[in-house]
Each structure stands twice: as C-alpha cells, then as structure tokens.
Amino acid sequence: LGIAITIYLLIIGSFRFILLVIYLLPNIYLHNHIKKIFV
C-alpha cells in the first residue's frame, strides 16, 4: 500500500502530489479522532 501510494504520487506530478498528501493524511488523522466520540 505504501509503495503503491508513493509510485502514484510520483507519477501524477508535484501539484497533485501535494494535493493528495495534504488530502489523504489529515483525513486518516481526523477520522481516528472524531470516531472516538462514537463509543
């Protein structure tokens, strides 16, 4: 999974690289936090 994401990001170029990283990582982080509200 890590290799696939890295290769994909390298192929699509720096702009979409930045965009997808900024988009994907915080979503995972935010999900883990907000989910704790739903016991």
Full PDB file with SEQRES, HELIX, SHEET, SSBOND, CRYST1, ORIGX, SCALE, CONECT and MASTER records, all heavy atoms in Angstrom:
SEQRES   1 A   39  LEU GLY ILE ALA ILE THR ILE TYR LEU LEU ILE ILE GLY          
SEQRES   2 A   39  SER PHE ARG PHE ILE LEU LEU VAL ILE TYR LEU LEU PRO          
SEQRES   3 A   39  ASN ILE TYR LEU HIS ASN HIS ILE LYS LYS ILE PHE VAL          
HELIX    1 AA1 GLY A    2  ILE A   12  1                                  11    
HELIX    2 AA2 SER A   14  ILE A   34  1                                  21    
HELIX    3 AA3 LYS A   35  ILE A   37  5                                   3    
CRYST1    1.000    1.000    1.000  90.00  90.00  90.00 P 1           1          
ORIGX1      1.000000  0.000000  0.000000        0.00000                         
ORIGX2      0.000000  1.000000  0.000000        0.00000                         
ORIGX3      0.000000  0.000000  1.000000        0.00000                         
SCALE1      1.000000  0.000000  0.000000        0.00000                         
SCALE2      0.000000  1.000000  0.000000        0.00000                         
SCALE3      0.000000  0.000000  1.000000        0.00000                         
ATOM      1  N   LEU A   1       0.828  -1.204   0.000  1.00  0.00           N  
ATOM      2  CA  LEU A   1       0.000   0.000   0.000  1.00  0.00           C  
ATOM      3  C   LEU A   1       0.864   1.256   0.000  1.00  0.00           C  
ATOM      4  O   LEU A   1       0.622   2.198  -0.751  1.00  0.00           O  
ATOM      5  CB  LEU A   1      -0.931   0.003   1.218  1.00  0.00           C  
ATOM      6  CG  LEU A   1      -1.899   1.199   1.315  1.00  0.00           C  
ATOM      7  CD1 LEU A   1      -2.832   1.230   0.110  1.00  0.00           C  
ATOM      8  CD2 LEU A   1      -2.700   1.131   2.602  1.00  0.00           C  
ATOM      9  N   GLY A   2       1.892   1.262   0.845  1.00  0.00           N  
ATOM     10  CA  GLY A   2       2.794   2.413   0.900  1.00  0.00           C  
ATOM     11  C   GLY A   2       3.521   2.640  -0.406  1.00  0.00           C  
ATOM     12  O   GLY A   2       3.631   3.769  -0.890  1.00  0.00           O  
ATOM     13  N   ILE A   3       4.017   1.542  -1.022  1.00  0.00           N  
ATOM     14  CA  ILE A   3       4.725   1.649  -2.302  1.00  0.00           C  
ATOM     15  C   ILE A   3       3.779   2.141  -3.396  1.00  0.00           C  
ATOM     16  O   ILE A   3       4.141   3.001  -4.210  1.00  0.00           O  
ATOM     17  CB  ILE A   3       5.339   0.296  -2.694  1.00  0.00           C  
ATOM     18  CG1 ILE A   3       6.485  -0.067  -1.726  1.00  0.00           C  
ATOM     19  CG2 ILE A   3       5.861   0.324  -4.130  1.00  0.00           C  
ATOM     20  CD1 ILE A   3       7.050  -1.447  -1.943  1.00  0.00           C  
ATOM     21  N   ALA A   4       2.548   1.605  -3.416  1.00  0.00           N  
ATOM     22  CA  ALA A   4       1.565   1.991  -4.438  1.00  0.00           C  
ATOM     23  C   ALA A   4       1.246   3.475  -4.351  1.00  0.00           C  
ATOM     24  O   ALA A   4       1.192   4.181  -5.377  1.00  0.00           O  
ATOM     25  CB  ALA A   4       0.293   1.163  -4.278  1.00  0.00           C  
ATOM     26  N   ILE A   5       1.040   3.968  -3.138  1.00  0.00           N  
ATOM     27  CA  ILE A   5       0.734   5.397  -2.952  1.00  0.00           C  
ATOM     28  C   ILE A   5       1.907   6.250  -3.414  1.00  0.00           C  
ATOM     29  O   ILE A   5       1.739   7.251  -4.117  1.00  0.00           O  
ATOM     30  CB  ILE A   5       0.393   5.696  -1.477  1.00  0.00           C  
ATOM     31  CG1 ILE A   5      -0.943   5.034  -1.100  1.00  0.00           C  
ATOM     32  CG2 ILE A   5       0.328   7.192  -1.228  1.00  0.00           C  
ATOM     33  CD1 ILE A   5      -1.272   5.128   0.370  1.00  0.00           C  
ATOM     34  N   THR A   6       3.119   5.849  -3.040  1.00  0.00           N  
ATOM     35  CA  THR A   6       4.314   6.603  -3.409  1.00  0.00           C  
ATOM     36  C   THR A   6       4.489   6.664  -4.923  1.00  0.00           C  
ATOM     37  O   THR A   6       4.732   7.726  -5.496  1.00  0.00           O  
ATOM     38  CB  THR A   6       5.562   5.973  -2.758  1.00  0.00           C  
ATOM     39  OG1 THR A   6       5.430   6.017  -1.346  1.00  0.00           O  
ATOM     40  CG2 THR A   6       6.816   6.736  -3.171  1.00  0.00           C  
ATOM     41  N   ILE A   7       4.367   5.517  -5.591  1.00  0.00           N  
ATOM     42  CA  ILE A   7       4.526   5.470  -7.050  1.00  0.00           C  
ATOM     43  C   ILE A   7       3.464   6.334  -7.725  1.00  0.00           C  
ATOM     44  O   ILE A   7       3.755   7.109  -8.648  1.00  0.00           O  
ATOM     45  CB  ILE A   7       4.436   4.016  -7.563  1.00  0.00           C  
ATOM     46  CG1 ILE A   7       5.667   3.226  -7.093  1.00  0.00           C  
ATOM     47  CG2 ILE A   7       4.345   3.978  -9.088  1.00  0.00           C  
ATOM     48  CD1 ILE A   7       5.605   1.758  -7.415  1.00  0.00           C  
ATOM     49  N   TYR A   8       2.231   6.213  -7.240  1.00  0.00           N  
ATOM     50  CA  TYR A   8       1.134   7.005  -7.814  1.00  0.00           C  
ATOM     51  C   TYR A   8       1.408   8.493  -7.685  1.00  0.00           C  
ATOM     52  O   TYR A   8       1.238   9.268  -8.632  1.00  0.00           O  
ATOM     53  CB  TYR A   8      -0.176   6.632  -7.121  1.00  0.00           C  
ATOM     54  CG  TYR A   8      -1.357   7.456  -7.577  1.00  0.00           C  
ATOM     55  CD1 TYR A   8      -1.886   7.296  -8.856  1.00  0.00           C  
ATOM     56  CD2 TYR A   8      -1.945   8.393  -6.739  1.00  0.00           C  
ATOM     57  CE1 TYR A   8      -2.970   8.051  -9.278  1.00  0.00           C  
ATOM     58  CE2 TYR A   8      -3.027   9.148  -7.153  1.00  0.00           C  
ATOM     59  CZ  TYR A   8      -3.532   8.970  -8.422  1.00  0.00           C  
ATOM     60  OH  TYR A   8      -4.599   9.725  -8.837  1.00  0.00           O  
ATOM     61  N   LEU A   9       1.853   8.895  -6.516  1.00  0.00           N  
ATOM     62  CA  LEU A   9       2.115  10.309  -6.274  1.00  0.00           C  
ATOM     63  C   LEU A   9       3.259  10.817  -7.131  1.00  0.00           C  
ATOM     64  O   LEU A   9       3.234  11.943  -7.617  1.00  0.00           O  
ATOM     65  CB  LEU A   9       2.414  10.533  -4.793  1.00  0.00           C  
ATOM     66  CG  LEU A   9       1.245  10.310  -3.833  1.00  0.00           C  
ATOM     67  CD1 LEU A   9       1.709  10.454  -2.396  1.00  0.00           C  
ATOM     68  CD2 LEU A   9       0.118  11.272  -4.117  1.00  0.00           C  
ATOM     69  N   LEU A  10       4.301   9.988  -7.321  1.00  0.00           N  
ATOM     70  CA  LEU A  10       5.428  10.406  -8.144  1.00  0.00           C  
ATOM     71  C   LEU A  10       5.016  10.551  -9.610  1.00  0.00           C  
ATOM     72  O   LEU A  10       5.488  11.438 -10.315  1.00  0.00           O  
ATOM     73  CB  LEU A  10       6.573   9.393  -8.018  1.00  0.00           C  
ATOM     74  CG  LEU A  10       7.340   9.414  -6.690  1.00  0.00           C  
ATOM     75  CD1 LEU A  10       8.288   8.241  -6.618  1.00  0.00           C  
ATOM     76  CD2 LEU A  10       8.096  10.724  -6.513  1.00  0.00           C  
ATOM     77  N   ILE A  11       4.125   9.682 -10.076  1.00  0.00           N  
ATOM     78  CA  ILE A  11       3.701   9.701 -11.473  1.00  0.00           C  
ATOM     79  C   ILE A  11       2.835  10.910 -11.787  1.00  0.00           C  
ATOM     80  O   ILE A  11       2.983  11.547 -12.835  1.00  0.00           O  
ATOM     81  CB  ILE A  11       2.944   8.396 -11.832  1.00  0.00           C  
ATOM     82  CG1 ILE A  11       3.935   7.218 -11.886  1.00  0.00           C  
ATOM     83  CG2 ILE A  11       2.229   8.529 -13.186  1.00  0.00           C  
ATOM     84  CD1 ILE A  11       3.266   5.880 -12.058  1.00  0.00           C  
ATOM     85  N   ILE A  12       1.913  11.277 -10.873  1.00  0.00           N  
ATOM     86  CA  ILE A  12       0.947  12.332 -11.195  1.00  0.00           C  
ATOM     87  C   ILE A  12       1.526  13.738 -11.086  1.00  0.00           C  
ATOM     88  O   ILE A  12       0.877  14.708 -11.443  1.00  0.00           O  
ATOM     89  CB  ILE A  12      -0.313  12.233 -10.304  1.00  0.00           C  
ATOM     90  CG1 ILE A  12       0.046  12.432  -8.825  1.00  0.00           C  
ATOM     91  CG2 ILE A  12      -1.036  10.934 -10.518  1.00  0.00           C  
ATOM     92  CD1 ILE A  12      -1.163  12.446  -7.913  1.00  0.00           C  
ATOM     93  N   GLY A  13       2.766  13.879 -10.606  1.00  0.00           N  
ATOM     94  CA  GLY A  13       3.400  15.189 -10.586  1.00  0.00           C  
ATOM     95  C   GLY A  13       3.267  15.915  -9.261  1.00  0.00           C  
ATOM     96  O   GLY A  13       2.486  15.534  -8.394  1.00  0.00           O  
ATOM     97  N   SER A  14       4.048  16.997  -9.120  1.00  0.00           N  
ATOM     98  CA  SER A  14       4.183  17.663  -7.825  1.00  0.00           C  
ATOM     99  C   SER A  14       2.891  18.316  -7.346  1.00  0.00           C  
ATOM    100  O   SER A  14       2.584  18.295  -6.158  1.00  0.00           O  
ATOM    101  CB  SER A  14       5.308  18.708  -7.878  1.00  0.00           C  
ATOM    102  OG  SER A  14       5.011  19.701  -8.829  1.00  0.00           O  
ATOM    103  N   PHE A  15       2.114  18.917  -8.277  1.00  0.00           N  
ATOM    104  CA  PHE A  15       0.903  19.611  -7.840  1.00  0.00           C  
ATOM    105  C   PHE A  15      -0.093  18.630  -7.219  1.00  0.00           C  
ATOM    106  O   PHE A  15      -0.560  18.815  -6.101  1.00  0.00           O  
ATOM    107  CB  PHE A  15       0.252  20.349  -9.014  1.00  0.00           C  
ATOM    108  CG  PHE A  15      -1.070  20.974  -8.664  1.00  0.00           C  
ATOM    109  CD1 PHE A  15      -1.130  22.044  -7.800  1.00  0.00           C  
ATOM    110  CD2 PHE A  15      -2.250  20.484  -9.203  1.00  0.00           C  
ATOM    111  CE1 PHE A  15      -2.341  22.623  -7.463  1.00  0.00           C  
ATOM    112  CE2 PHE A  15      -3.462  21.055  -8.877  1.00  0.00           C  
ATOM    113  CZ  PHE A  15      -3.508  22.125  -8.008  1.00  0.00           C  
ATOM    114  N   ARG A  16      -0.421  17.568  -7.962  1.00  0.00           N  
ATOM    115  CA  ARG A  16      -1.355  16.572  -7.422  1.00  0.00           C  
ATOM    116  C   ARG A  16      -0.703  15.777  -6.292  1.00  0.00           C  
ATOM    117  O   ARG A  16      -1.391  15.261  -5.414  1.00  0.00           O  
ATOM    118  CB  ARG A  16      -1.836  15.647  -8.539  1.00  0.00           C  
ATOM    119  CG  ARG A  16      -2.784  16.342  -9.510  1.00  0.00           C  
ATOM    120  CD  ARG A  16      -3.374  15.361 -10.500  1.00  0.00           C  
ATOM    121  NE  ARG A  16      -4.384  15.991 -11.334  1.00  0.00           N  
ATOM    122  CZ  ARG A  16      -4.118  16.629 -12.466  1.00  0.00           C  
ATOM    123  NH1 ARG A  16      -2.874  16.707 -12.899  1.00  0.00           N  
ATOM    124  NH2 ARG A  16      -5.091  17.174 -13.167  1.00  0.00           N  
ATOM    125  N   PHE A  17       0.627  15.692  -6.325  1.00  0.00           N  
ATOM    126  CA  PHE A  17       1.378  15.068  -5.235  1.00  0.00           C  
ATOM    127  C   PHE A  17       1.075  15.790  -3.922  1.00  0.00           C  
ATOM    128  O   PHE A  17       0.686  15.187  -2.923  1.00  0.00           O  
ATOM    129  CB  PHE A  17       2.874  15.151  -5.570  1.00  0.00           C  
ATOM    130  CG  PHE A  17       3.773  14.376  -4.655  1.00  0.00           C  
ATOM    131  CD1 PHE A  17       4.257  13.143  -5.044  1.00  0.00           C  
ATOM    132  CD2 PHE A  17       4.167  14.877  -3.430  1.00  0.00           C  
ATOM    133  CE1 PHE A  17       5.097  12.425  -4.222  1.00  0.00           C  
ATOM    134  CE2 PHE A  17       4.997  14.176  -2.597  1.00  0.00           C  
ATOM    135  CZ  PHE A  17       5.465  12.938  -3.000  1.00  0.00           C  
ATOM    136  N   ILE A  18       1.260  17.112  -3.937  1.00  0.00           N  
ATOM    137  CA  ILE A  18       0.976  17.924  -2.751  1.00  0.00           C  
ATOM    138  C   ILE A  18      -0.488  17.782  -2.355  1.00  0.00           C  
ATOM    139  O   ILE A  18      -0.825  17.592  -1.186  1.00  0.00           O  
ATOM    140  CB  ILE A  18       1.296  19.410  -3.022  1.00  0.00           C  
ATOM    141  CG1 ILE A  18       2.791  19.596  -3.292  1.00  0.00           C  
ATOM    142  CG2 ILE A  18       0.866  20.286  -1.847  1.00  0.00           C  
ATOM    143  CD1 ILE A  18       3.158  20.967  -3.775  1.00  0.00           C  
ATOM    144  N   LEU A  19      -1.345  17.884  -3.355  1.00  0.00           N  
ATOM    145  CA  LEU A  19      -2.784  17.868  -3.101  1.00  0.00           C  
ATOM    146  C   LEU A  19      -3.228  16.576  -2.427  1.00  0.00           C  
ATOM    147  O   LEU A  19      -3.951  16.587  -1.432  1.00  0.00           O  
ATOM    148  CB  LEU A  19      -3.533  18.057  -4.425  1.00  0.00           C  
ATOM    149  CG  LEU A  19      -5.054  18.110  -4.332  1.00  0.00           C  
ATOM    150  CD1 LEU A  19      -5.492  19.324  -3.540  1.00  0.00           C  
ATOM    151  CD2 LEU A  19      -5.655  18.146  -5.718  1.00  0.00           C  
ATOM    152  N   LEU A  20      -2.785  15.434  -2.964  1.00  0.00           N  
ATOM    153  CA  LEU A  20      -3.232  14.157  -2.430  1.00  0.00           C  
ATOM    154  C   LEU A  20      -2.672  13.888  -1.039  1.00  0.00           C  
ATOM    155  O   LEU A  20      -3.347  13.338  -0.169  1.00  0.00           O  
ATOM    156  CB  LEU A  20      -2.852  13.018  -3.385  1.00  0.00           C  
ATOM    157  CG  LEU A  20      -3.702  11.760  -3.284  1.00  0.00           C  
ATOM    158  CD1 LEU A  20      -5.180  12.068  -3.483  1.00  0.00           C  
ATOM    159  CD2 LEU A  20      -3.237  10.705  -4.271  1.00  0.00           C  
ATOM    160  N   VAL A  21      -1.404  14.287  -0.826  1.00  0.00           N  
ATOM    161  CA  VAL A  21      -0.804  14.112   0.508  1.00  0.00           C  
ATOM    162  C   VAL A  21      -1.545  14.950   1.541  1.00  0.00           C  
ATOM    163  O   VAL A  21      -1.920  14.473   2.609  1.00  0.00           O  
ATOM    164  CB  VAL A  21       0.687  14.506   0.485  1.00  0.00           C  
ATOM    165  CG1 VAL A  21       1.254  14.565   1.898  1.00  0.00           C  
ATOM    166  CG2 VAL A  21       1.476  13.495  -0.337  1.00  0.00           C  
ATOM    167  N   ILE A  22      -1.762  16.222   1.178  1.00  0.00           N  
ATOM    168  CA  ILE A  22      -2.470  17.122   2.084  1.00  0.00           C  
ATOM    169  C   ILE A  22      -3.887  16.615   2.345  1.00  0.00           C  
ATOM    170  O   ILE A  22      -4.442  16.812   3.420  1.00  0.00           O  
ATOM    171  CB  ILE A  22      -2.498  18.555   1.505  1.00  0.00           C  
ATOM    172  CG1 ILE A  22      -1.090  19.135   1.547  1.00  0.00           C  
ATOM    173  CG2 ILE A  22      -3.460  19.458   2.256  1.00  0.00           C  
ATOM    174  CD1 ILE A  22      -0.959  20.489   0.888  1.00  0.00           C  
ATOM    175  N   TYR A  23      -4.449  15.952   1.358  1.00  0.00           N  
ATOM    176  CA  TYR A  23      -5.817  15.459   1.483  1.00  0.00           C  
ATOM    177  C   TYR A  23      -5.894  14.138   2.247  1.00  0.00           C  
ATOM    178  O   TYR A  23      -6.729  13.972   3.141  1.00  0.00           O  
ATOM    179  CB  TYR A  23      -6.417  15.278   0.089  1.00  0.00           C  
ATOM    180  CG  TYR A  23      -7.881  14.904   0.097  1.00  0.00           C  
ATOM    181  CD1 TYR A  23      -8.844  15.844   0.455  1.00  0.00           C  
ATOM    182  CD2 TYR A  23      -8.300  13.623  -0.233  1.00  0.00           C  
ATOM    183  CE1 TYR A  23     -10.183  15.520   0.477  1.00  0.00           C  
ATOM    184  CE2 TYR A  23      -9.641  13.283  -0.223  1.00  0.00           C  
ATOM    185  CZ  TYR A  23     -10.578  14.234   0.134  1.00  0.00           C  
ATOM    186  OH  TYR A  23     -11.899  13.903   0.167  1.00  0.00           O  
ATOM    187  N   LEU A  24      -5.034  13.181   1.919  1.00  0.00           N  
ATOM    188  CA  LEU A  24      -5.156  11.824   2.458  1.00  0.00           C  
ATOM    189  C   LEU A  24      -4.753  11.718   3.925  1.00  0.00           C  
ATOM    190  O   LEU A  24      -5.500  11.179   4.751  1.00  0.00           O  
ATOM    191  CB  LEU A  24      -4.318  10.865   1.607  1.00  0.00           C  
ATOM    192  CG  LEU A  24      -4.426   9.386   1.943  1.00  0.00           C  
ATOM    193  CD1 LEU A  24      -5.848   8.892   1.770  1.00  0.00           C  
ATOM    194  CD2 LEU A  24      -3.465   8.566   1.091  1.00  0.00           C  
ATOM    195  N   LEU A  25      -3.593  12.240   4.266  1.00  0.00           N  
ATOM    196  CA  LEU A  25      -3.079  12.063   5.626  1.00  0.00           C  
ATOM    197  C   LEU A  25      -3.966  12.698   6.699  1.00  0.00           C  
ATOM    198  O   LEU A  25      -4.311  12.044   7.684  1.00  0.00           O  
ATOM    199  CB  LEU A  25      -1.648  12.614   5.723  1.00  0.00           C  
ATOM    200  CG  LEU A  25      -0.596  11.895   4.872  1.00  0.00           C  
ATOM    201  CD1 LEU A  25       0.778  12.511   5.112  1.00  0.00           C  
ATOM    202  CD2 LEU A  25      -0.560  10.410   5.162  1.00  0.00           C  
ATOM    203  N   PRO A  26      -4.368  13.962   6.536  1.00  0.00           N  
ATOM    204  CA  PRO A  26      -5.234  14.552   7.565  1.00  0.00           C  
ATOM    205  C   PRO A  26      -6.583  13.843   7.698  1.00  0.00           C  
ATOM    206  O   PRO A  26      -7.157  13.821   8.781  1.00  0.00           O  
ATOM    207  CB  PRO A  26      -5.434  15.999   7.093  1.00  0.00           C  
ATOM    208  CG  PRO A  26      -4.288  16.262   6.201  1.00  0.00           C  
ATOM    209  CD  PRO A  26      -3.994  14.963   5.535  1.00  0.00           C  
ATOM    210  N   ASN A  27      -7.092  13.276   6.593  1.00  0.00           N  
ATOM    211  CA  ASN A  27      -8.360  12.552   6.665  1.00  0.00           C  
ATOM    212  C   ASN A  27      -8.263  11.340   7.591  1.00  0.00           C  
ATOM    213  O   ASN A  27      -9.174  11.085   8.386  1.00  0.00           O  
ATOM    214  CB  ASN A  27      -8.801  12.103   5.264  1.00  0.00           C  
ATOM    215  CG  ASN A  27      -9.708  13.120   4.603  1.00  0.00           C  
ATOM    216  OD1 ASN A  27     -10.742  13.492   5.144  1.00  0.00           O  
ATOM    217  ND2 ASN A  27      -9.324  13.594   3.434  1.00  0.00           N  
ATOM    218  N   ILE A  28      -7.174  10.612   7.480  1.00  0.00           N  
ATOM    219  CA  ILE A  28      -6.970   9.449   8.353  1.00  0.00           C  
ATOM    220  C   ILE A  28      -6.861   9.906   9.809  1.00  0.00           C  
ATOM    221  O   ILE A  28      -7.462   9.331  10.716  1.00  0.00           O  
ATOM    222  CB  ILE A  28      -5.702   8.677   7.939  1.00  0.00           C  
ATOM    223  CG1 ILE A  28      -5.840   8.172   6.494  1.00  0.00           C  
ATOM    224  CG2 ILE A  28      -5.454   7.501   8.867  1.00  0.00           C  
ATOM    225  CD1 ILE A  28      -4.564   7.607   5.922  1.00  0.00           C  
ATOM    226  N   TYR A  29      -6.094  10.950   9.997  1.00  0.00           N  
ATOM    227  CA  TYR A  29      -5.865  11.501  11.340  1.00  0.00           C  
ATOM    228  C   TYR A  29      -7.178  11.995  11.952  1.00  0.00           C  
ATOM    229  O   TYR A  29      -7.507  11.717  13.108  1.00  0.00           O  
ATOM    230  CB  TYR A  29      -4.856  12.639  11.220  1.00  0.00           C  
ATOM    231  CG  TYR A  29      -4.433  13.264  12.523  1.00  0.00           C  
ATOM    232  CD1 TYR A  29      -3.448  12.679  13.308  1.00  0.00           C  
ATOM    233  CD2 TYR A  29      -4.993  14.458  12.951  1.00  0.00           C  
ATOM    234  CE1 TYR A  29      -3.035  13.266  14.489  1.00  0.00           C  
ATOM    235  CE2 TYR A  29      -4.595  15.051  14.136  1.00  0.00           C  
ATOM    236  CZ  TYR A  29      -3.609  14.449  14.901  1.00  0.00           C  
ATOM    237  OH  TYR A  29      -3.212  15.029  16.078  1.00  0.00           O  
ATOM    238  N   LEU A  30      -7.955  12.733  11.139  1.00  0.00           N  
ATOM    239  CA  LEU A  30      -9.216  13.299  11.613  1.00  0.00           C  
ATOM    240  C   LEU A  30     -10.228  12.194  11.920  1.00  0.00           C  
ATOM    241  O   LEU A  30     -10.956  12.265  12.916  1.00  0.00           O  
ATOM    242  CB  LEU A  30      -9.769  14.240  10.533  1.00  0.00           C  
ATOM    243  CG  LEU A  30     -10.622  15.426  10.998  1.00  0.00           C  
ATOM    244  CD1 LEU A  30      -9.847  16.300  11.962  1.00  0.00           C  
ATOM    245  CD2 LEU A  30     -11.062  16.252   9.796  1.00  0.00           C  
ATOM    246  N   HIS A  31     -10.255  11.181  11.078  1.00  0.00           N  
ATOM    247  CA  HIS A  31     -11.167  10.056  11.295  1.00  0.00           C  
ATOM    248  C   HIS A  31     -10.911   9.388  12.645  1.00  0.00           C  
ATOM    249  O   HIS A  31     -11.835   9.095  13.407  1.00  0.00           O  
ATOM    250  CB  HIS A  31     -11.024   9.033  10.164  1.00  0.00           C  
ATOM    251  CG  HIS A  31     -11.711   7.737  10.446  1.00  0.00           C  
ATOM    252  ND1 HIS A  31     -11.055   6.655  11.015  1.00  0.00           N  
ATOM    253  CD2 HIS A  31     -13.006   7.342  10.275  1.00  0.00           C  
ATOM    254  CE1 HIS A  31     -11.913   5.657  11.170  1.00  0.00           C  
ATOM    255  NE2 HIS A  31     -13.097   6.051  10.732  1.00  0.00           N  
ATOM    256  N   ASN A  32      -9.643   9.154  12.948  1.00  0.00           N  
ATOM    257  CA  ASN A  32      -9.293   8.491  14.213  1.00  0.00           C  
ATOM    258  C   ASN A  32      -9.733   9.306  15.423  1.00  0.00           C  
ATOM    259  O   ASN A  32     -10.101   8.753  16.459  1.00  0.00           O  
ATOM    260  CB  ASN A  32      -7.789   8.229  14.276  1.00  0.00           C  
ATOM    261  CG  ASN A  32      -7.352   7.158  13.297  1.00  0.00           C  
ATOM    262  OD1 ASN A  32      -8.167   6.363  12.836  1.00  0.00           O  
ATOM    263  ND2 ASN A  32      -6.078   7.141  12.947  1.00  0.00           N  
ATOM    264  N   HIS A  33      -9.694  10.620  15.288  1.00  0.00           N  
ATOM    265  CA  HIS A  33     -10.085  11.482  16.411  1.00  0.00           C  
ATOM    266  C   HIS A  33     -11.605  11.526  16.593  1.00  0.00           C  
ATOM    267  O   HIS A  33     -12.116  11.336  17.692  1.00  0.00           O  
ATOM    268  CB  HIS A  33      -9.559  12.901  16.194  1.00  0.00           C  
ATOM    269  CG  HIS A  33      -8.270  13.156  16.909  1.00  0.00           C  
ATOM    270  ND1 HIS A  33      -8.192  13.256  18.278  1.00  0.00           N  
ATOM    271  CD2 HIS A  33      -7.010  13.305  16.451  1.00  0.00           C  
ATOM    272  CE1 HIS A  33      -6.944  13.484  18.638  1.00  0.00           C  
ATOM    273  NE2 HIS A  33      -6.198  13.510  17.536  1.00  0.00           N  
ATOM    274  N   ILE A  34     -12.298  11.830  15.487  1.00  0.00           N  
ATOM    275  CA  ILE A  34     -13.747  12.025  15.590  1.00  0.00           C  
ATOM    276  C   ILE A  34     -14.457  10.719  15.926  1.00  0.00           C  
ATOM    277  O   ILE A  34     -15.494  10.710  16.604  1.00  0.00           O  
ATOM    278  CB  ILE A  34     -14.297  12.633  14.277  1.00  0.00           C  
ATOM    279  CG1 ILE A  34     -13.606  13.972  13.999  1.00  0.00           C  
ATOM    280  CG2 ILE A  34     -15.800  12.857  14.362  1.00  0.00           C  
ATOM    281  CD1 ILE A  34     -13.980  14.593  12.670  1.00  0.00           C  
ATOM    282  N   LYS A  35     -13.892   9.603  15.480  1.00  0.00           N  
ATOM    283  CA  LYS A  35     -14.519   8.309  15.732  1.00  0.00           C  
ATOM    284  C   LYS A  35     -14.622   8.005  17.226  1.00  0.00           C  
ATOM    285  O   LYS A  35     -15.514   7.285  17.678  1.00  0.00           O  
ATOM    286  CB  LYS A  35     -13.726   7.199  15.028  1.00  0.00           C  
ATOM    287  CG  LYS A  35     -14.423   5.842  15.066  1.00  0.00           C  
ATOM    288  CD  LYS A  35     -13.612   4.787  14.329  1.00  0.00           C  
ATOM    289  CE  LYS A  35     -14.296   3.426  14.428  1.00  0.00           C  
ATOM    290  NZ  LYS A  35     -13.525   2.371  13.739  1.00  0.00           N  
ATOM    291  N   LYS A  36     -13.709   8.579  18.017  1.00  0.00           N  
ATOM    292  CA  LYS A  36     -13.717   8.332  19.459  1.00  0.00           C  
ATOM    293  C   LYS A  36     -14.977   8.874  20.131  1.00  0.00           C  
ATOM    294  O   LYS A  36     -15.314   8.463  21.245  1.00  0.00           O  
ATOM    295  CB  LYS A  36     -12.477   8.963  20.096  1.00  0.00           C  
ATOM    296  CG  LYS A  36     -11.185   8.276  19.689  1.00  0.00           C  
ATOM    297  CD  LYS A  36      -9.971   9.012  20.241  1.00  0.00           C  
ATOM    298  CE  LYS A  36      -8.681   8.366  19.757  1.00  0.00           C  
ATOM    299  NZ  LYS A  36      -7.487   9.107  20.231  1.00  0.00           N  
ATOM    300  N   ILE A  37     -15.642   9.802  19.450  1.00  0.00           N  
ATOM    301  CA  ILE A  37     -16.883  10.351  20.004  1.00  0.00           C  
ATOM    302  C   ILE A  37     -17.981   9.293  19.970  1.00  0.00           C  
ATOM    303  O   ILE A  37     -18.856   9.246  20.827  1.00  0.00           O  
ATOM    304  CB  ILE A  37     -17.320  11.598  19.202  1.00  0.00           C  
ATOM    305  CG1 ILE A  37     -16.243  12.684  19.318  1.00  0.00           C  
ATOM    306  CG2 ILE A  37     -18.657  12.133  19.681  1.00  0.00           C  
ATOM    307  CD1 ILE A  37     -16.469  13.859  18.397  1.00  0.00           C  
ATOM    308  N   PHE A  38     -17.916   8.432  18.945  1.00  0.00           N  
ATOM    309  CA  PHE A  38     -18.927   7.377  18.786  1.00  0.00           C  
ATOM    310  C   PHE A  38     -18.417   6.106  19.459  1.00  0.00           C  
ATOM    311  O   PHE A  38     -17.670   5.329  18.874  1.00  0.00           O  
ATOM    312  CB  PHE A  38     -19.203   7.139  17.299  1.00  0.00           C  
ATOM    313  CG  PHE A  38     -19.629   8.392  16.583  1.00  0.00           C  
ATOM    314  CD1 PHE A  38     -18.692   9.210  15.956  1.00  0.00           C  
ATOM    315  CD2 PHE A  38     -20.964   8.770  16.550  1.00  0.00           C  
ATOM    316  CE1 PHE A  38     -19.075  10.363  15.305  1.00  0.00           C  
ATOM    317  CE2 PHE A  38     -21.355   9.932  15.904  1.00  0.00           C  
ATOM    318  CZ  PHE A  38     -20.416  10.731  15.284  1.00  0.00           C  
ATOM    319  N   VAL A  39     -18.815   5.909  20.698  1.00  0.00           N  
ATOM    320  CA  VAL A  39     -18.252   4.862  21.535  1.00  0.00           C  
ATOM    321  C   VAL A  39     -18.613   3.465  21.043  1.00  0.00           C  
ATOM    322  O   VAL A  39     -17.762   2.582  20.923  1.00  0.00           O  
ATOM    323  CB  VAL A  39     -18.707   5.017  23.005  1.00  0.00           C  
ATOM    324  CG1 VAL A  39     -18.160   3.880  23.847  1.00  0.00           C  
ATOM    325  CG2 VAL A  39     -18.258   6.371  23.545  1.00  0.00           C  
TER     326      VAL A  39                                                      
MASTER        0    0    0    3    0    0    0    6  325    1    0    3          
END                                                                             
